[in-house]
Amino acid sequence: MAKTTPMEFLRQVRNETNKVTWPTRRETMITALMVVIFTVLMAIFFAVADWFLLHGVALIVSLGR
């Protein structure tokens, strides 16, 4: 396998970077908004699940007393 010089490597990197399809500003904003909404929904879900588990365990422990 032939060694690549640093300049050739940088040329290759530039060529590959030019092939990338970058998202538009609108696509980036929509994706970011979807991430924020999903994160909030998951936080609510886990808070409710934690609350039910906390009270369920407390109920089970109180039955044993």
PDB file of N, CA and C in Angstrom:
ATOM      1  N   MET A   1       0.848  -1.168   0.000  1.00  0.00           N
ATOM      2  CA  MET A   1       0.000   0.000   0.000  1.00  0.00           C
ATOM      3  C   MET A   1       0.897   1.236   0.000  1.00  0.00           C
ATOM      4  N   ALA A   2       0.670   2.141  -0.944  1.00  0.00           N
ATOM      5  CA  ALA A   2       1.508   3.327  -1.078  1.00  0.00           C
ATOM      6  C   ALA A   2       1.178   4.336   0.015  1.00  0.00           C
ATOM      7  N   LYS A   3       2.223   4.997   0.495  1.00  0.00           N
ATOM      8  CA  LYS A   3       2.019   6.037   1.500  1.00  0.00           C
ATOM      9  C   LYS A   3       1.472   7.294   0.837  1.00  0.00           C
ATOM     10  N   THR A   4       0.598   7.986   1.556  1.00  0.00           N
ATOM     11  CA  THR A   4       0.010   9.229   1.060  1.00  0.00           C
ATOM     12  C   THR A   4       0.722  10.396   1.726  1.00  0.00           C
ATOM     13  N   THR A   5       1.095  11.380   0.931  1.00  0.00           N
ATOM     14  CA  THR A   5       1.749  12.558   1.497  1.00  0.00           C
ATOM     15  C   THR A   5       0.698  13.398   2.219  1.00  0.00           C
ATOM     16  N   PRO A   6       1.135  14.239   3.161  1.00  0.00           N
ATOM     17  CA  PRO A   6       0.170  15.096   3.861  1.00  0.00           C
ATOM     18  C   PRO A   6      -0.640  15.993   2.914  1.00  0.00           C
ATOM     19  N   MET A   7      -0.018  16.518   1.865  1.00  0.00           N
ATOM     20  CA  MET A   7      -0.751  17.387   0.933  1.00  0.00           C
ATOM     21  C   MET A   7      -1.792  16.583   0.156  1.00  0.00           C
ATOM     22  N   GLU A   8      -1.436  15.379  -0.256  1.00  0.00           N
ATOM     23  CA  GLU A   8      -2.393  14.522  -0.965  1.00  0.00           C
ATOM     24  C   GLU A   8      -3.557  14.152  -0.052  1.00  0.00           C
ATOM     25  N   PHE A   9      -3.239  13.872   1.195  1.00  0.00           N
ATOM     26  CA  PHE A   9      -4.284  13.560   2.172  1.00  0.00           C
ATOM     27  C   PHE A   9      -5.256  14.732   2.308  1.00  0.00           C
ATOM     28  N   LEU A  10      -4.725  15.957   2.431  1.00  0.00           N
ATOM     29  CA  LEU A  10      -5.590  17.133   2.551  1.00  0.00           C
ATOM     30  C   LEU A  10      -6.438  17.330   1.296  1.00  0.00           C
ATOM     31  N   ARG A  11      -5.891  17.073   0.133  1.00  0.00           N
ATOM     32  CA  ARG A  11      -6.663  17.152  -1.111  1.00  0.00           C
ATOM     33  C   ARG A  11      -7.815  16.137  -1.098  1.00  0.00           C
ATOM     34  N   GLN A  12      -7.511  14.937  -0.647  1.00  0.00           N
ATOM     35  CA  GLN A  12      -8.542  13.905  -0.570  1.00  0.00           C
ATOM     36  C   GLN A  12      -9.650  14.293   0.415  1.00  0.00           C
ATOM     37  N   VAL A  13      -9.237  14.845   1.535  1.00  0.00           N
ATOM     38  CA  VAL A  13     -10.217  15.287   2.526  1.00  0.00           C
ATOM     39  C   VAL A  13     -11.106  16.371   1.933  1.00  0.00           C
ATOM     40  N   ARG A  14     -10.520  17.335   1.242  1.00  0.00           N
ATOM     41  CA  ARG A  14     -11.292  18.414   0.621  1.00  0.00           C
ATOM     42  C   ARG A  14     -12.267  17.852  -0.413  1.00  0.00           C
ATOM     43  N   ASN A  15     -11.809  16.907  -1.226  1.00  0.00           N
ATOM     44  CA  ASN A  15     -12.684  16.295  -2.227  1.00  0.00           C
ATOM     45  C   ASN A  15     -13.859  15.563  -1.572  1.00  0.00           C
ATOM     46  N   GLU A  16     -13.591  14.834  -0.500  1.00  0.00           N
ATOM     47  CA  GLU A  16     -14.667  14.121   0.185  1.00  0.00           C
ATOM     48  C   GLU A  16     -15.627  15.093   0.859  1.00  0.00           C
ATOM     49  N   THR A  17     -15.106  16.184   1.421  1.00  0.00           N
ATOM     50  CA  THR A  17     -15.955  17.183   2.063  1.00  0.00           C
ATOM     51  C   THR A  17     -16.884  17.835   1.045  1.00  0.00           C
ATOM     52  N   ASN A  18     -16.411  18.034  -0.171  1.00  0.00           N
ATOM     53  CA  ASN A  18     -17.251  18.626  -1.212  1.00  0.00           C
ATOM     54  C   ASN A  18     -18.394  17.702  -1.619  1.00  0.00           C
ATOM     55  N   LYS A  19     -18.267  16.406  -1.375  1.00  0.00           N
ATOM     56  CA  LYS A  19     -19.308  15.451  -1.718  1.00  0.00           C
ATOM     57  C   LYS A  19     -20.436  15.402  -0.686  1.00  0.00           C
ATOM     58  N   VAL A  20     -20.199  15.975   0.473  1.00  0.00           N
ATOM     59  CA  VAL A  20     -21.181  15.925   1.553  1.00  0.00           C
ATOM     60  C   VAL A  20     -22.374  16.804   1.197  1.00  0.00           C
ATOM     61  N   THR A  21     -23.574  16.286   1.444  1.00  0.00           N
ATOM     62  CA  THR A  21     -24.784  17.070   1.267  1.00  0.00           C
ATOM     63  C   THR A  21     -25.146  17.663   2.626  1.00  0.00           C
ATOM     64  N   TRP A  22     -24.923  18.939   2.788  1.00  0.00           N
ATOM     65  CA  TRP A  22     -25.163  19.595   4.065  1.00  0.00           C
ATOM     66  C   TRP A  22     -26.642  19.935   4.206  1.00  0.00           C
ATOM     67  N   PRO A  23     -27.213  19.808   5.411  1.00  0.00           N
ATOM     68  CA  PRO A  23     -28.630  20.131   5.589  1.00  0.00           C
ATOM     69  C   PRO A  23     -28.858  21.644   5.491  1.00  0.00           C
ATOM     70  N   THR A  24     -30.070  21.995   5.084  1.00  0.00           N
ATOM     71  CA  THR A  24     -30.422  23.413   5.021  1.00  0.00           C
ATOM     72  C   THR A  24     -30.679  23.918   6.433  1.00  0.00           C
ATOM     73  N   ARG A  25     -30.767  25.218   6.558  1.00  0.00           N
ATOM     74  CA  ARG A  25     -31.053  25.820   7.865  1.00  0.00           C
ATOM     75  C   ARG A  25     -32.411  25.338   8.382  1.00  0.00           C
ATOM     76  N   ARG A  26     -33.386  25.257   7.468  1.00  0.00           N
ATOM     77  CA  ARG A  26     -34.734  24.814   7.853  1.00  0.00           C
ATOM     78  C   ARG A  26     -34.708  23.376   8.353  1.00  0.00           C
ATOM     79  N   GLU A  27     -34.014  22.489   7.650  1.00  0.00           N
ATOM     80  CA  GLU A  27     -33.912  21.093   8.070  1.00  0.00           C
ATOM     81  C   GLU A  27     -33.250  20.979   9.446  1.00  0.00           C
ATOM     82  N   THR A  28     -32.233  21.785   9.665  1.00  0.00           N
ATOM     83  CA  THR A  28     -31.531  21.761  10.952  1.00  0.00           C
ATOM     84  C   THR A  28     -32.448  22.228  12.073  1.00  0.00           C
ATOM     85  N   MET A  29     -33.216  23.287  11.821  1.00  0.00           N
ATOM     86  CA  MET A  29     -34.122  23.810  12.843  1.00  0.00           C
ATOM     87  C   MET A  29     -35.239  22.805  13.159  1.00  0.00           C
ATOM     88  N   ILE A  30     -35.803  22.177  12.138  1.00  0.00           N
ATOM     89  CA  ILE A  30     -36.864  21.190  12.362  1.00  0.00           C
ATOM     90  C   ILE A  30     -36.330  19.996  13.141  1.00  0.00           C
ATOM     91  N   THR A  31     -35.158  19.525  12.781  1.00  0.00           N
ATOM     92  CA  THR A  31     -34.558  18.389  13.481  1.00  0.00           C
ATOM     93  C   THR A  31     -34.261  18.743  14.937  1.00  0.00           C
ATOM     94  N   ALA A  32     -33.731  19.933  15.172  1.00  0.00           N
ATOM     95  CA  ALA A  32     -33.434  20.363  16.539  1.00  0.00           C
ATOM     96  C   ALA A  32     -34.719  20.466  17.356  1.00  0.00           C
ATOM     97  N   LEU A  33     -35.783  20.990  16.756  1.00  0.00           N
ATOM     98  CA  LEU A  33     -37.059  21.109  17.454  1.00  0.00           C
ATOM     99  C   LEU A  33     -37.610  19.720  17.789  1.00  0.00           C
ATOM    100  N   MET A  34     -37.492  18.782  16.870  1.00  0.00           N
ATOM    101  CA  MET A  34     -37.953  17.415  17.133  1.00  0.00           C
ATOM    102  C   MET A  34     -37.175  16.795  18.285  1.00  0.00           C
ATOM    103  N   VAL A  35     -35.889  17.049  18.354  1.00  0.00           N
ATOM    104  CA  VAL A  35     -35.066  16.515  19.451  1.00  0.00           C
ATOM    105  C   VAL A  35     -35.512  17.103  20.784  1.00  0.00           C
ATOM    106  N   VAL A  36     -35.766  18.411  20.812  1.00  0.00           N
ATOM    107  CA  VAL A  36     -36.202  19.062  22.052  1.00  0.00           C
ATOM    108  C   VAL A  36     -37.556  18.511  22.494  1.00  0.00           C
ATOM    109  N   ILE A  37     -38.500  18.385  21.559  1.00  0.00           N
ATOM    110  CA  ILE A  37     -39.830  17.865  21.901  1.00  0.00           C
ATOM    111  C   ILE A  37     -39.736  16.436  22.416  1.00  0.00           C
ATOM    112  N   PHE A  38     -38.973  15.596  21.734  1.00  0.00           N
ATOM    113  CA  PHE A  38     -38.826  14.209  22.155  1.00  0.00           C
ATOM    114  C   PHE A  38     -38.162  14.126  23.525  1.00  0.00           C
ATOM    115  N   THR A  39     -37.189  14.971  23.784  1.00  0.00           N
ATOM    116  CA  THR A  39     -36.509  14.975  25.079  1.00  0.00           C
ATOM    117  C   THR A  39     -37.474  15.351  26.198  1.00  0.00           C
ATOM    118  N   VAL A  40     -38.306  16.363  25.956  1.00  0.00           N
ATOM    119  CA  VAL A  40     -39.298  16.780  26.960  1.00  0.00           C
ATOM    120  C   VAL A  40     -40.299  15.646  27.212  1.00  0.00           C
ATOM    121  N   LEU A  41     -40.782  15.025  26.134  1.00  0.00           N
ATOM    122  CA  LEU A  41     -41.732  13.919  26.296  1.00  0.00           C
ATOM    123  C   LEU A  41     -41.122  12.763  27.079  1.00  0.00           C
ATOM    124  N   MET A  42     -39.876  12.432  26.792  1.00  0.00           N
ATOM    125  CA  MET A  42     -39.218  11.347  27.521  1.00  0.00           C
ATOM    126  C   MET A  42     -38.992  11.717  28.987  1.00  0.00           C
ATOM    127  N   ALA A  43     -38.673  12.978  29.254  1.00  0.00           N
ATOM    128  CA  ALA A  43     -38.493  13.422  30.636  1.00  0.00           C
ATOM    129  C   ALA A  43     -39.804  13.295  31.404  1.00  0.00           C
ATOM    130  N   ILE A  44     -40.911  13.672  30.770  1.00  0.00           N
ATOM    131  CA  ILE A  44     -42.227  13.546  31.418  1.00  0.00           C
ATOM    132  C   ILE A  44     -42.547  12.074  31.660  1.00  0.00           C
ATOM    133  N   PHE A  45     -42.315  11.232  30.643  1.00  0.00           N
ATOM    134  CA  PHE A  45     -42.576   9.800  30.793  1.00  0.00           C
ATOM    135  C   PHE A  45     -41.793   9.211  31.963  1.00  0.00           C
ATOM    136  N   PHE A  46     -40.495   9.490  32.042  1.00  0.00           N
ATOM    137  CA  PHE A  46     -39.682   8.916  33.109  1.00  0.00           C
ATOM    138  C   PHE A  46     -40.034   9.500  34.474  1.00  0.00           C
ATOM    139  N   ALA A  47     -40.460  10.757  34.525  1.00  0.00           N
ATOM    140  CA  ALA A  47     -40.888  11.340  35.800  1.00  0.00           C
ATOM    141  C   ALA A  47     -42.153  10.643  36.299  1.00  0.00           C
ATOM    142  N   VAL A  48     -43.097  10.406  35.398  1.00  0.00           N
ATOM    143  CA  VAL A  48     -44.339   9.717  35.782  1.00  0.00           C
ATOM    144  C   VAL A  48     -44.037   8.266  36.176  1.00  0.00           C
ATOM    145  N   ALA A  49     -43.214   7.589  35.402  1.00  0.00           N
ATOM    146  CA  ALA A  49     -42.854   6.201  35.733  1.00  0.00           C
ATOM    147  C   ALA A  49     -42.154   6.135  37.087  1.00  0.00           C
ATOM    148  N   ASP A  50     -41.275   7.077  37.356  1.00  0.00           N
ATOM    149  CA  ASP A  50     -40.565   7.118  38.638  1.00  0.00           C
ATOM    150  C   ASP A  50     -41.547   7.341  39.777  1.00  0.00           C
ATOM    151  N   TRP A  51     -42.514   8.229  39.566  1.00  0.00           N
ATOM    152  CA  TRP A  51     -43.512   8.522  40.606  1.00  0.00           C
ATOM    153  C   TRP A  51     -44.314   7.263  40.931  1.00  0.00           C
ATOM    154  N   PHE A  52     -44.781   6.547  39.866  1.00  0.00           N
ATOM    155  CA  PHE A  52     -45.549   5.327  40.094  1.00  0.00           C
ATOM    156  C   PHE A  52     -44.705   4.259  40.781  1.00  0.00           C
ATOM    157  N   LEU A  53     -43.478   4.101  40.377  1.00  0.00           N
ATOM    158  CA  LEU A  53     -42.619   3.110  41.022  1.00  0.00           C
ATOM    159  C   LEU A  53     -42.345   3.473  42.482  1.00  0.00           C
ATOM    160  N   LEU A  54     -42.107   4.737  42.742  1.00  0.00           N
ATOM    161  CA  LEU A  54     -41.865   5.184  44.116  1.00  0.00           C
ATOM    162  C   LEU A  54     -43.054   4.855  45.008  1.00  0.00           C
ATOM    163  N   HIS A  55     -44.249   5.214  44.549  1.00  0.00           N
ATOM    164  CA  HIS A  55     -45.435   4.963  45.368  1.00  0.00           C
ATOM    165  C   HIS A  55     -45.799   3.475  45.410  1.00  0.00           C
ATOM    166  N   GLY A  56     -45.526   2.750  44.336  1.00  0.00           N
ATOM    167  CA  GLY A  56     -45.771   1.313  44.339  1.00  0.00           C
ATOM    168  C   GLY A  56     -44.881   0.596  45.339  1.00  0.00           C
ATOM    169  N   VAL A  57     -43.625   0.941  45.369  1.00  0.00           N
ATOM    170  CA  VAL A  57     -42.693   0.327  46.329  1.00  0.00           C
ATOM    171  C   VAL A  57     -43.061   0.735  47.742  1.00  0.00           C
ATOM    172  N   ALA A  58     -43.428   1.983  47.927  1.00  0.00           N
ATOM    173  CA  ALA A  58     -43.837   2.438  49.272  1.00  0.00           C
ATOM    174  C   ALA A  58     -45.062   1.682  49.745  1.00  0.00           C
ATOM    175  N   LEU A  59     -46.015   1.419  48.839  1.00  0.00           N
ATOM    176  CA  LEU A  59     -47.208   0.670  49.190  1.00  0.00           C
ATOM    177  C   LEU A  59     -46.841  -0.762  49.572  1.00  0.00           C
ATOM    178  N   ILE A  60     -45.978  -1.385  48.789  1.00  0.00           N
ATOM    179  CA  ILE A  60     -45.561  -2.762  49.091  1.00  0.00           C
ATOM    180  C   ILE A  60     -44.830  -2.829  50.425  1.00  0.00           C
ATOM    181  N   VAL A  61     -43.966  -1.870  50.692  1.00  0.00           N
ATOM    182  CA  VAL A  61     -43.223  -1.856  51.960  1.00  0.00           C
ATOM    183  C   VAL A  61     -44.177  -1.629  53.132  1.00  0.00           C
ATOM    184  N   SER A  62     -45.166  -0.762  52.945  1.00  0.00           N
ATOM    185  CA  SER A  62     -46.097  -0.467  54.051  1.00  0.00           C
ATOM    186  C   SER A  62     -46.996  -1.680  54.346  1.00  0.00           C
ATOM    187  N   LEU A  63     -47.249  -2.530  53.364  1.00  0.00           N
ATOM    188  CA  LEU A  63     -48.061  -3.728  53.614  1.00  0.00           C
ATOM    189  C   LEU A  63     -47.305  -4.721  54.492  1.00  0.00           C
ATOM    190  N   GLY A  64     -45.998  -4.692  54.459  1.00  0.00           N
ATOM    191  CA  GLY A  64     -45.190  -5.618  55.241  1.00  0.00           C
ATOM    192  C   GLY A  64     -45.007  -5.205  56.687  1.00  0.00           C
ATOM    193  N   ARG A  65     -45.460  -4.033  57.054  1.00  0.00           N
ATOM    194  CA  ARG A  65     -45.262  -3.577  58.446  1.00  0.00           C
ATOM    195  C   ARG A  65     -46.329  -4.060  59.356  1.00  0.00           C
TER     196      ARG A  65
END
